[in-house]
Amino acid sequence: ERPHGCTECGKSFSGKKSLRIHQRSHAAERPYPCAECGKSFNCHSGLVRHQMIHRGERPYKCAECGKCYSRKEHLQNHQRLHTGERPFACAACGKSFIRKQNLLKHQRIHTGERPYQCFLECKESFSLEVSLILHQKLHTEKGDGPLTCTYCGKDFRDLSKAIRHQRIHTGERPYQCTECGKSFIRRDHLLKHWRVHTGETPYQCPVCGKHFRYKESLNCHQKIH
C-alpha cells in the first residue's frame, strides 16, 4: 500500500518521509552537500553512497568476474551483462534494455521529446544529454580533443560521427521515410532508401550503359567487364 501521493507528479509512497525526499526533486532542494567536492543531494543516504567514491569504497563485488562497485544497483546492472537479462522493454517497438534509465532515454525516439537544449550559441535541442554535451564541445572546444562515447568509450574527432555512433547504442533513428515509415540512423541512408520508391537509378555503367540504384551495385557489376 502506498497512501502518500505526490501532488506534483502523482507518484505514490508508503511513508511520509519517502514522499518528502521525493518532493525535493521537484523543488530542486538538495540540503546534503558533499564536503569533498560540493555536489549536493536531496537525501542523506544519497550523500553517503556518493562519499564512497571519494573513499574508494566498492563493497559490492561481482562473483562472476570480480569487478567491484560502490552501489548495489550498479552491481545488479553489471550482472545482467553476464546473464543476458534485459528486463526493461519498450512497449512501442519491443527493444529491451539492461537499465531502466536507458529505456527512458530510448522512449524519447517515439515521443519526439528533446528536453536538452543548447544555450551557448544556438537553440538546438537533443533527446539525450550525452548528445547535448558532444554538441556543446563544438562551441567550446571547436573540435579540439577526442569526443568519447559514454556507452562504449570509443573516441571520435568529428562531432557528427560521434552522435551518429551513439544512435547504435540508443536505437535512435531520426530520419523517417514519409512513403513507408522506415527509419534510419543517417540522412544519407534515408536518401539511398528513397530511390526504392522513386525508381531512380543514378549510377550508369560506362561500358554497357546499364543503370543502378546504388554505387555499390555498379561497382560489383563492373567486375564483370
C-alpha atoms as a PDB file:
ATOM      1  CA  GLU A   1       0.000   0.000   0.000  1.00  0.00           C
ATOM      2  CA  ARG A   2       1.260   3.484  -0.959  1.00  0.00           C
ATOM      3  CA  PRO A   3      -1.129   6.007   0.612  1.00  0.00           C
ATOM      4  CA  HIS A   4       1.107   9.080   0.285  1.00  0.00           C
ATOM      5  CA  GLY A   5       0.856  10.620  -3.179  1.00  0.00           C
ATOM      6  CA  CYS A   6       2.911  13.431  -4.705  1.00  0.00           C
ATOM      7  CA  THR A   7       0.632  16.288  -5.799  1.00  0.00           C
ATOM      8  CA  GLU A   8       3.182  17.308  -8.444  1.00  0.00           C
ATOM      9  CA  CYS A   9       3.557  14.088 -10.440  1.00  0.00           C
ATOM     10  CA  GLY A  10       1.188  11.561  -8.843  1.00  0.00           C
ATOM     11  CA  LYS A  11       3.881   9.104  -7.733  1.00  0.00           C
ATOM     12  CA  SER A  12       2.917   7.261  -4.520  1.00  0.00           C
ATOM     13  CA  PHE A  13       4.962   6.249  -1.476  1.00  0.00           C
ATOM     14  CA  SER A  14       4.439   4.013   1.543  1.00  0.00           C
ATOM     15  CA  GLY A  15       5.820   6.556   4.044  1.00  0.00           C
ATOM     16  CA  LYS A  16       5.675  10.319   4.543  1.00  0.00           C
ATOM     17  CA  LYS A  17       9.469  10.551   4.792  1.00  0.00           C
ATOM     18  CA  SER A  18       9.925   8.974   1.356  1.00  0.00           C
ATOM     19  CA  LEU A  19       7.367  11.399  -0.065  1.00  0.00           C
ATOM     20  CA  ARG A  20       9.174  14.420   1.444  1.00  0.00           C
ATOM     21  CA  ILE A  21      12.506  13.276  -0.003  1.00  0.00           C
ATOM     22  CA  HIS A  22      10.886  12.769  -3.409  1.00  0.00           C
ATOM     23  CA  GLN A  23       9.251  16.222  -3.361  1.00  0.00           C
ATOM     24  CA  ARG A  24      12.689  17.807  -3.078  1.00  0.00           C
ATOM     25  CA  SER A  25      13.357  16.667  -6.657  1.00  0.00           C
ATOM     26  CA  HIS A  26      10.551  18.946  -7.862  1.00  0.00           C
ATOM     27  CA  ALA A  27      11.688  21.850  -5.701  1.00  0.00           C
ATOM     28  CA  ALA A  28      15.349  21.322  -6.698  1.00  0.00           C
ATOM     29  CA  GLU A  29      16.084  21.198  -2.962  1.00  0.00           C
ATOM     30  CA  ARG A  30      19.372  19.437  -2.157  1.00  0.00           C
ATOM     31  CA  PRO A  31      20.205  20.078   1.511  1.00  0.00           C
ATOM     32  CA  TYR A  32      23.014  17.490   1.829  1.00  0.00           C
ATOM     33  CA  PRO A  33      26.289  18.781   0.253  1.00  0.00           C
ATOM     34  CA  CYS A  34      29.471  16.732  -0.090  1.00  0.00           C
ATOM     35  CA  ALA A  35      32.322  18.388   1.840  1.00  0.00           C
ATOM     36  CA  GLU A  36      34.829  16.890  -0.614  1.00  0.00           C
ATOM     37  CA  CYS A  37      33.509  18.153  -3.966  1.00  0.00           C
ATOM     38  CA  GLY A  38      30.460  20.288  -3.200  1.00  0.00           C
ATOM     39  CA  LYS A  39      27.912  18.109  -5.019  1.00  0.00           C
ATOM     40  CA  SER A  40      24.546  18.185  -3.223  1.00  0.00           C
ATOM     41  CA  PHE A  41      21.885  15.535  -2.660  1.00  0.00           C
ATOM     42  CA  ASN A  42      18.210  15.535  -1.700  1.00  0.00           C
ATOM     43  CA  CYS A  43      18.630  12.778   0.919  1.00  0.00           C
ATOM     44  CA  HIS A  44      21.331  11.740   3.397  1.00  0.00           C
ATOM     45  CA  SER A  45      21.590   8.188   2.026  1.00  0.00           C
ATOM     46  CA  GLY A  46      22.426   9.616  -1.404  1.00  0.00           C
ATOM     47  CA  LEU A  47      25.268  11.629   0.131  1.00  0.00           C
ATOM     48  CA  VAL A  48      26.587   8.563   1.989  1.00  0.00           C
ATOM     49  CA  ARG A  49      26.621   6.492  -1.235  1.00  0.00           C
ATOM     50  CA  HIS A  50      28.366   9.326  -3.081  1.00  0.00           C
ATOM     51  CA  GLN A  51      31.090   9.660  -0.423  1.00  0.00           C
ATOM     52  CA  MET A  52      32.127   6.065  -1.076  1.00  0.00           C
ATOM     53  CA  ILE A  53      33.536   7.308  -4.406  1.00  0.00           C
ATOM     54  CA  HIS A  54      35.955   9.663  -2.615  1.00  0.00           C
ATOM     55  CA  ARG A  55      36.971   6.981  -0.121  1.00  0.00           C
ATOM     56  CA  GLY A  56      37.438   4.434  -2.873  1.00  0.00           C
ATOM     57  CA  GLU A  57      34.953   2.037  -1.255  1.00  0.00           C
ATOM     58  CA  ARG A  58      33.485  -0.592  -3.580  1.00  0.00           C
ATOM     59  CA  PRO A  59      31.812  -3.154  -1.306  1.00  0.00           C
ATOM     60  CA  TYR A  60      29.669  -4.847  -3.980  1.00  0.00           C
ATOM     61  CA  LYS A  61      31.649  -7.480  -5.879  1.00  0.00           C
ATOM     62  CA  CYS A  62      30.595  -9.480  -8.932  1.00  0.00           C
ATOM     63  CA  ALA A  63      31.006 -13.209  -8.240  1.00  0.00           C
ATOM     64  CA  GLU A  64      31.399 -13.863 -11.977  1.00  0.00           C
ATOM     65  CA  CYS A  65      34.321 -11.567 -12.880  1.00  0.00           C
ATOM     66  CA  GLY A  66      35.398  -9.894  -9.618  1.00  0.00           C
ATOM     67  CA  LYS A  67      34.554  -6.324 -10.654  1.00  0.00           C
ATOM     68  CA  CYS A  68      33.547  -4.133  -7.698  1.00  0.00           C
ATOM     69  CA  TYR A  69      31.009  -1.317  -7.347  1.00  0.00           C
ATOM     70  CA  SER A  70      30.139   1.330  -4.782  1.00  0.00           C
ATOM     71  CA  ARG A  71      26.369   0.801  -5.174  1.00  0.00           C
ATOM     72  CA  LYS A  72      24.315  -2.387  -5.156  1.00  0.00           C
ATOM     73  CA  GLU A  73      22.154  -1.326  -8.119  1.00  0.00           C
ATOM     74  CA  HIS A  74      25.291  -0.742 -10.209  1.00  0.00           C
ATOM     75  CA  LEU A  75      26.376  -4.325  -9.466  1.00  0.00           C
ATOM     76  CA  GLN A  76      22.909  -5.602 -10.425  1.00  0.00           C
ATOM     77  CA  ASN A  77      23.073  -3.728 -13.732  1.00  0.00           C
ATOM     78  CA  HIS A  78      26.555  -5.153 -14.389  1.00  0.00           C
ATOM     79  CA  GLN A  79      25.477  -8.739 -13.610  1.00  0.00           C
ATOM     80  CA  ARG A  80      22.915  -8.552 -16.406  1.00  0.00           C
ATOM     81  CA  LEU A  81      25.843  -8.421 -18.850  1.00  0.00           C
ATOM     82  CA  HIS A  82      26.708 -11.955 -17.704  1.00  0.00           C
ATOM     83  CA  THR A  83      23.134 -13.288 -17.581  1.00  0.00           C
ATOM     84  CA  GLY A  84      21.912 -11.545 -20.738  1.00  0.00           C
ATOM     85  CA  GLU A  85      18.871 -10.296 -18.839  1.00  0.00           C
ATOM     86  CA  ARG A  86      17.189  -7.191 -20.310  1.00  0.00           C
ATOM     87  CA  PRO A  87      14.150  -6.592 -18.092  1.00  0.00           C
ATOM     88  CA  PHE A  88      13.176  -3.145 -19.401  1.00  0.00           C
ATOM     89  CA  ALA A  89      11.298  -3.458 -22.696  1.00  0.00           C
ATOM     90  CA  CYS A  90       9.946  -0.661 -24.878  1.00  0.00           C
ATOM     91  CA  ALA A  91       6.178  -1.025 -25.330  1.00  0.00           C
ATOM     92  CA  ALA A  92       6.347   0.745 -28.703  1.00  0.00           C
ATOM     93  CA  CYS A  93       8.984  -1.338 -30.526  1.00  0.00           C
ATOM     94  CA  GLY A  94       9.948  -4.186 -28.179  1.00  0.00           C
ATOM     95  CA  LYS A  95      13.633  -3.266 -27.836  1.00  0.00           C
ATOM     96  CA  SER A  96      14.942  -4.288 -24.391  1.00  0.00           C
ATOM     97  CA  PHE A  97      17.490  -2.681 -22.100  1.00  0.00           C
ATOM     98  CA  ILE A  98      19.619  -3.620 -19.100  1.00  0.00           C
ATOM     99  CA  ARG A  99      18.872  -0.365 -17.271  1.00  0.00           C
ATOM    100  CA  LYS A 100      15.572   1.469 -16.853  1.00  0.00           C
ATOM    101  CA  GLN A 101      17.383   4.767 -17.458  1.00  0.00           C
ATOM    102  CA  ASN A 102      18.394   3.600 -20.943  1.00  0.00           C
ATOM    103  CA  LEU A 103      14.791   2.602 -21.700  1.00  0.00           C
ATOM    104  CA  LEU A 104      13.544   6.064 -20.705  1.00  0.00           C
ATOM    105  CA  LYS A 105      16.143   7.662 -22.999  1.00  0.00           C
ATOM    106  CA  HIS A 106      15.165   5.331 -25.845  1.00  0.00           C
ATOM    107  CA  GLN A 107      11.438   6.114 -25.496  1.00  0.00           C
ATOM    108  CA  ARG A 108      12.117   9.726 -26.498  1.00  0.00           C
ATOM    109  CA  ILE A 109      12.650   8.406 -30.026  1.00  0.00           C
ATOM    110  CA  HIS A 110       8.957   7.517 -30.160  1.00  0.00           C
ATOM    111  CA  THR A 111       7.649  10.575 -28.301  1.00  0.00           C
ATOM    112  CA  GLY A 112       9.891  13.074 -30.103  1.00  0.00           C
ATOM    113  CA  GLU A 113      10.817  14.647 -26.761  1.00  0.00           C
ATOM    114  CA  ARG A 114      14.005  16.767 -26.856  1.00  0.00           C
ATOM    115  CA  PRO A 115      14.485  18.103 -23.305  1.00  0.00           C
ATOM    116  CA  TYR A 116      18.163  19.071 -23.601  1.00  0.00           C
ATOM    117  CA  GLN A 117      18.647  22.484 -25.239  1.00  0.00           C
ATOM    118  CA  CYS A 118      21.895  24.251 -26.099  1.00  0.00           C
ATOM    119  CA  PHE A 119      22.075  27.803 -24.751  1.00  0.00           C
ATOM    120  CA  LEU A 120      25.658  28.597 -25.815  1.00  0.00           C
ATOM    121  CA  GLU A 121      25.476  29.864 -29.394  1.00  0.00           C
ATOM    122  CA  CYS A 122      22.306  28.230 -30.695  1.00  0.00           C
ATOM    123  CA  LYS A 123      18.948  26.836 -29.559  1.00  0.00           C
ATOM    124  CA  GLU A 124      19.299  23.291 -30.901  1.00  0.00           C
ATOM    125  CA  SER A 125      17.585  20.610 -28.793  1.00  0.00           C
ATOM    126  CA  PHE A 126      18.506  16.969 -28.200  1.00  0.00           C
ATOM    127  CA  SER A 127      16.738  13.873 -26.900  1.00  0.00           C
ATOM    128  CA  LEU A 128      19.842  12.715 -24.987  1.00  0.00           C
ATOM    129  CA  GLU A 129      22.057  14.615 -22.552  1.00  0.00           C
ATOM    130  CA  VAL A 130      25.178  12.969 -23.992  1.00  0.00           C
ATOM    131  CA  SER A 131      24.278  14.332 -27.441  1.00  0.00           C
ATOM    132  CA  LEU A 132      23.982  17.836 -25.991  1.00  0.00           C
ATOM    133  CA  ILE A 133      27.372  17.510 -24.261  1.00  0.00           C
ATOM    134  CA  LEU A 134      29.018  16.426 -27.512  1.00  0.00           C
ATOM    135  CA  HIS A 135      27.293  19.251 -29.382  1.00  0.00           C
ATOM    136  CA  GLN A 136      28.431  21.878 -26.860  1.00  0.00           C
ATOM    137  CA  LYS A 137      32.037  20.799 -27.380  1.00  0.00           C
ATOM    138  CA  LEU A 138      31.618  22.103 -30.904  1.00  0.00           C
ATOM    139  CA  HIS A 139      31.093  25.593 -29.427  1.00  0.00           C
ATOM    140  CA  THR A 140      33.582  25.471 -26.551  1.00  0.00           C
ATOM    141  CA  GLU A 141      36.448  23.428 -27.972  1.00  0.00           C
ATOM    142  CA  LYS A 142      35.907  23.889 -31.711  1.00  0.00           C
ATOM    143  CA  GLY A 143      36.510  20.186 -32.248  1.00  0.00           C
ATOM    144  CA  ASP A 144      39.836  20.008 -30.378  1.00  0.00           C
ATOM    145  CA  GLY A 145      40.446  16.772 -28.477  1.00  0.00           C
ATOM    146  CA  PRO A 146      38.564  13.470 -28.735  1.00  0.00           C
ATOM    147  CA  LEU A 147      34.798  13.098 -28.293  1.00  0.00           C
ATOM    148  CA  THR A 148      34.191   9.961 -26.233  1.00  0.00           C
ATOM    149  CA  CYS A 149      31.109   7.730 -26.470  1.00  0.00           C
ATOM    150  CA  THR A 150      29.675   7.407 -22.955  1.00  0.00           C
ATOM    151  CA  TYR A 151      28.350   3.913 -23.753  1.00  0.00           C
ATOM    152  CA  CYS A 152      31.458   2.108 -25.055  1.00  0.00           C
ATOM    153  CA  GLY A 153      34.349   4.563 -24.668  1.00  0.00           C
ATOM    154  CA  LYS A 154      35.154   4.871 -28.379  1.00  0.00           C
ATOM    155  CA  ASP A 155      36.775   8.205 -29.333  1.00  0.00           C
ATOM    156  CA  PHE A 156      35.849  10.401 -32.281  1.00  0.00           C
ATOM    157  CA  ARG A 157      37.335  13.557 -33.761  1.00  0.00           C
ATOM    158  CA  ASP A 158      34.171  14.534 -35.598  1.00  0.00           C
ATOM    159  CA  LEU A 159      31.016  15.588 -33.692  1.00  0.00           C
ATOM    160  CA  SER A 160      28.524  14.327 -36.269  1.00  0.00           C
ATOM    161  CA  LYS A 161      30.218  10.899 -36.370  1.00  0.00           C
ATOM    162  CA  ALA A 162      30.135  10.701 -32.553  1.00  0.00           C
ATOM    163  CA  ILE A 163      26.400  11.485 -32.448  1.00  0.00           C
ATOM    164  CA  ARG A 164      25.645   9.000 -35.264  1.00  0.00           C
ATOM    165  CA  HIS A 165      27.664   6.320 -33.438  1.00  0.00           C
ATOM    166  CA  GLN A 166      25.693   6.788 -30.208  1.00  0.00           C
ATOM    167  CA  ARG A 167      22.472   6.035 -32.090  1.00  0.00           C
ATOM    168  CA  ILE A 168      23.743   2.450 -32.415  1.00  0.00           C
ATOM    169  CA  HIS A 169      23.501   2.163 -28.614  1.00  0.00           C
ATOM    170  CA  THR A 170      20.261   4.141 -28.110  1.00  0.00           C
ATOM    171  CA  GLY A 171      18.361   2.780 -31.109  1.00  0.00           C
ATOM    172  CA  GLU A 172      17.541   6.331 -32.208  1.00  0.00           C
ATOM    173  CA  ARG A 173      16.575   6.569 -35.913  1.00  0.00           C
ATOM    174  CA  PRO A 174      15.627  10.206 -36.521  1.00  0.00           C
ATOM    175  CA  TYR A 175      15.318  10.042 -40.334  1.00  0.00           C
ATOM    176  CA  GLN A 176      11.979   8.525 -41.367  1.00  0.00           C
ATOM    177  CA  CYS A 177      10.709   7.741 -44.862  1.00  0.00           C
ATOM    178  CA  THR A 178       7.388   9.536 -45.436  1.00  0.00           C
ATOM    179  CA  GLU A 179       6.385   6.914 -48.000  1.00  0.00           C
ATOM    180  CA  CYS A 180       6.689   3.678 -45.983  1.00  0.00           C
ATOM    181  CA  GLY A 181       7.637   4.770 -42.447  1.00  0.00           C
ATOM    182  CA  LYS A 182      11.018   3.023 -42.348  1.00  0.00           C
ATOM    183  CA  SER A 183      13.541   4.912 -40.191  1.00  0.00           C
ATOM    184  CA  PHE A 184      17.306   5.359 -40.458  1.00  0.00           C
ATOM    185  CA  ILE A 185      20.242   6.425 -38.281  1.00  0.00           C
ATOM    186  CA  ARG A 186      21.745   8.599 -41.026  1.00  0.00           C
ATOM    187  CA  ARG A 187      20.206  11.040 -43.511  1.00  0.00           C
ATOM    188  CA  ASP A 188      22.241   9.679 -46.435  1.00  0.00           C
ATOM    189  CA  HIS A 189      20.847   6.190 -45.719  1.00  0.00           C
ATOM    190  CA  LEU A 190      17.319   7.604 -45.972  1.00  0.00           C
ATOM    191  CA  LEU A 191      18.162   9.288 -49.295  1.00  0.00           C
ATOM    192  CA  LYS A 192      19.513   5.995 -50.684  1.00  0.00           C
ATOM    193  CA  HIS A 193      16.398   4.159 -49.486  1.00  0.00           C
ATOM    194  CA  TRP A 194      14.147   6.772 -51.126  1.00  0.00           C
ATOM    195  CA  ARG A 195      15.297   5.518 -54.558  1.00  0.00           C
ATOM    196  CA  VAL A 196      13.271   2.340 -53.921  1.00  0.00           C
ATOM    197  CA  HIS A 197      10.120   4.460 -54.146  1.00  0.00           C
ATOM    198  CA  THR A 198      11.223   6.882 -56.895  1.00  0.00           C
ATOM    199  CA  GLY A 199      12.814   4.240 -59.122  1.00  0.00           C
ATOM    200  CA  GLU A 200      15.854   6.482 -59.539  1.00  0.00           C
ATOM    201  CA  THR A 201      18.984   4.723 -60.885  1.00  0.00           C
ATOM    202  CA  PRO A 202      21.689   7.422 -60.986  1.00  0.00           C
ATOM    203  CA  TYR A 203      24.734   5.175 -61.467  1.00  0.00           C
ATOM    204  CA  GLN A 204      25.442   4.143 -65.097  1.00  0.00           C
ATOM    205  CA  CYS A 205      27.992   1.633 -66.297  1.00  0.00           C
ATOM    206  CA  PRO A 206      30.308   3.379 -68.809  1.00  0.00           C
ATOM    207  CA  VAL A 207      30.878   0.089 -70.648  1.00  0.00           C
ATOM    208  CA  CYS A 208      27.363  -1.241 -71.297  1.00  0.00           C
ATOM    209  CA  GLY A 209      25.134   1.634 -70.223  1.00  0.00           C
ATOM    210  CA  LYS A 210      23.203  -0.320 -67.586  1.00  0.00           C
ATOM    211  CA  HIS A 211      21.849   1.786 -64.701  1.00  0.00           C
ATOM    212  CA  PHE A 212      21.957   1.009 -60.979  1.00  0.00           C
ATOM    213  CA  ARG A 213      20.252   2.357 -57.902  1.00  0.00           C
ATOM    214  CA  TYR A 214      23.358   2.176 -55.696  1.00  0.00           C
ATOM    215  CA  LYS A 215      27.037   2.869 -56.333  1.00  0.00           C
ATOM    216  CA  GLU A 216      27.942  -0.407 -54.608  1.00  0.00           C
ATOM    217  CA  SER A 217      25.807  -2.314 -57.139  1.00  0.00           C
ATOM    218  CA  LEU A 218      27.581  -0.557 -60.021  1.00  0.00           C
ATOM    219  CA  ASN A 219      30.986  -1.441 -58.549  1.00  0.00           C
ATOM    220  CA  CYS A 220      30.008  -5.125 -58.341  1.00  0.00           C
ATOM    221  CA  HIS A 221      28.642  -5.057 -61.893  1.00  0.00           C
ATOM    222  CA  GLN A 222      31.815  -3.505 -63.339  1.00  0.00           C
ATOM    223  CA  LYS A 223      33.818  -6.517 -62.190  1.00  0.00           C
ATOM    224  CA  ILE A 224      32.031  -8.480 -64.916  1.00  0.00           C
ATOM    225  CA  HIS A 225      33.658  -6.264 -67.551  1.00  0.00           C
END
